[in-house]
Amino acid sequence: MELLIVVLFFALIALASALGLTADSRDSADWKPSHQGARESRW
């Protein structure tokens, strides 16, 4: 029963994503370069 719920959940998320109902909440800070944990200067 739990497996059915998990599969249904992921199917609903995939459907919502395909319909454009989801949003990416990440910003570019997730992949900006850093130097030992501190964000590097732009130039």
N, C-alpha and C. Protein backbone atom coordinates (compact mmCIF):
# COMPACT_ATOMS: atom_id res chain seq x y z
N MET A 1 0.82 -1.20 0.00
CA MET A 1 0.00 0.00 0.00
C MET A 1 0.87 1.26 0.00
N GLU A 2 1.96 1.23 0.79
CA GLU A 2 2.83 2.40 0.84
C GLU A 2 3.48 2.66 -0.52
N LEU A 3 3.83 1.58 -1.21
CA LEU A 3 4.46 1.73 -2.53
C LEU A 3 3.50 2.41 -3.50
N LEU A 4 2.24 2.07 -3.44
CA LEU A 4 1.24 2.70 -4.30
C LEU A 4 1.13 4.19 -4.02
N ILE A 5 1.17 4.56 -2.77
CA ILE A 5 1.10 5.98 -2.38
C ILE A 5 2.32 6.73 -2.89
N VAL A 6 3.49 6.14 -2.76
CA VAL A 6 4.73 6.78 -3.22
C VAL A 6 4.71 6.95 -4.74
N VAL A 7 4.30 5.92 -5.45
CA VAL A 7 4.24 5.99 -6.91
C VAL A 7 3.22 7.03 -7.34
N LEU A 8 2.07 7.08 -6.69
CA LEU A 8 1.05 8.08 -7.00
C LEU A 8 1.57 9.49 -6.74
N PHE A 9 2.29 9.68 -5.64
CA PHE A 9 2.86 10.98 -5.31
C PHE A 9 3.81 11.46 -6.40
N PHE A 10 4.73 10.58 -6.81
CA PHE A 10 5.68 10.96 -7.85
C PHE A 10 5.00 11.17 -9.19
N ALA A 11 3.97 10.41 -9.48
CA ALA A 11 3.22 10.60 -10.72
C ALA A 11 2.52 11.96 -10.72
N LEU A 12 1.97 12.36 -9.59
CA LEU A 12 1.32 13.67 -9.49
C LEU A 12 2.33 14.81 -9.64
N ILE A 13 3.51 14.65 -9.05
CA ILE A 13 4.55 15.67 -9.18
C ILE A 13 5.02 15.76 -10.62
N ALA A 14 5.19 14.62 -11.29
CA ALA A 14 5.61 14.63 -12.69
C ALA A 14 4.55 15.28 -13.56
N LEU A 15 3.29 15.01 -13.31
CA LEU A 15 2.21 15.61 -14.08
C LEU A 15 2.16 17.12 -13.86
N ALA A 16 2.30 17.55 -12.61
CA ALA A 16 2.30 18.99 -12.32
C ALA A 16 3.48 19.68 -12.99
N SER A 17 4.62 19.02 -13.01
CA SER A 17 5.80 19.59 -13.66
C SER A 17 5.58 19.69 -15.16
N ALA A 18 5.00 18.67 -15.76
CA ALA A 18 4.75 18.67 -17.20
C ALA A 18 3.75 19.75 -17.58
N LEU A 19 2.82 20.06 -16.70
CA LEU A 19 1.83 21.09 -16.97
C LEU A 19 2.33 22.49 -16.62
N GLY A 20 3.54 22.59 -16.07
CA GLY A 20 4.11 23.89 -15.73
C GLY A 20 3.57 24.49 -14.44
N LEU A 21 3.10 23.65 -13.55
CA LEU A 21 2.52 24.12 -12.30
C LEU A 21 3.53 24.18 -11.16
N THR A 22 4.76 23.80 -11.42
CA THR A 22 5.79 23.84 -10.38
C THR A 22 6.75 24.98 -10.65
N ALA A 23 7.47 25.40 -9.64
CA ALA A 23 8.43 26.50 -9.78
C ALA A 23 9.77 26.06 -9.21
N ASP A 24 10.84 26.51 -9.84
CA ASP A 24 12.19 26.25 -9.35
C ASP A 24 12.55 27.37 -8.38
N SER A 25 12.68 27.04 -7.12
CA SER A 25 12.93 28.06 -6.10
C SER A 25 14.42 28.35 -5.91
N ARG A 26 15.28 27.64 -6.64
CA ARG A 26 16.71 27.88 -6.49
C ARG A 26 17.09 29.19 -7.18
N ASP A 27 18.13 29.80 -6.70
CA ASP A 27 18.66 30.97 -7.40
C ASP A 27 20.07 30.62 -7.87
N SER A 28 20.71 31.53 -8.52
CA SER A 28 22.01 31.22 -9.09
C SER A 28 23.08 31.00 -8.03
N ALA A 29 22.80 31.31 -6.78
CA ALA A 29 23.78 31.10 -5.72
C ALA A 29 24.07 29.61 -5.53
N ASP A 30 23.18 28.75 -6.01
CA ASP A 30 23.38 27.32 -5.84
C ASP A 30 24.57 26.80 -6.64
N TRP A 31 24.95 27.50 -7.68
CA TRP A 31 26.04 26.99 -8.50
C TRP A 31 27.11 28.03 -8.81
N LYS A 32 27.13 29.13 -8.08
CA LYS A 32 28.19 30.11 -8.27
C LYS A 32 29.50 29.59 -7.69
N PRO A 33 30.62 29.94 -8.29
CA PRO A 33 31.89 29.45 -7.79
C PRO A 33 32.22 30.00 -6.40
N SER A 34 32.89 29.19 -5.61
CA SER A 34 33.30 29.64 -4.28
C SER A 34 34.74 29.20 -4.04
N HIS A 35 35.34 29.85 -3.08
CA HIS A 35 36.70 29.51 -2.70
C HIS A 35 36.70 29.20 -1.21
N GLN A 36 36.81 27.92 -0.87
CA GLN A 36 36.76 27.45 0.51
C GLN A 36 35.51 27.92 1.23
N GLY A 37 34.37 27.86 0.53
CA GLY A 37 33.09 28.19 1.13
C GLY A 37 32.68 29.64 1.01
N ALA A 38 33.61 30.53 0.66
CA ALA A 38 33.28 31.94 0.50
C ALA A 38 33.08 32.23 -0.99
N ARG A 39 32.03 32.96 -1.31
CA ARG A 39 31.75 33.26 -2.70
C ARG A 39 32.85 34.13 -3.31
N GLU A 40 33.30 33.73 -4.47
CA GLU A 40 34.36 34.47 -5.14
C GLU A 40 33.81 35.76 -5.74
N SER A 41 34.70 36.74 -5.90
CA SER A 41 34.26 37.98 -6.52
C SER A 41 33.96 37.75 -7.98
N ARG A 42 33.15 38.61 -8.54
CA ARG A 42 32.71 38.43 -9.92
C ARG A 42 33.88 38.64 -10.88
N TRP A 43 34.79 39.54 -10.61
CA TRP A 43 35.86 39.85 -11.55
C TRP A 43 37.14 39.35 -10.98
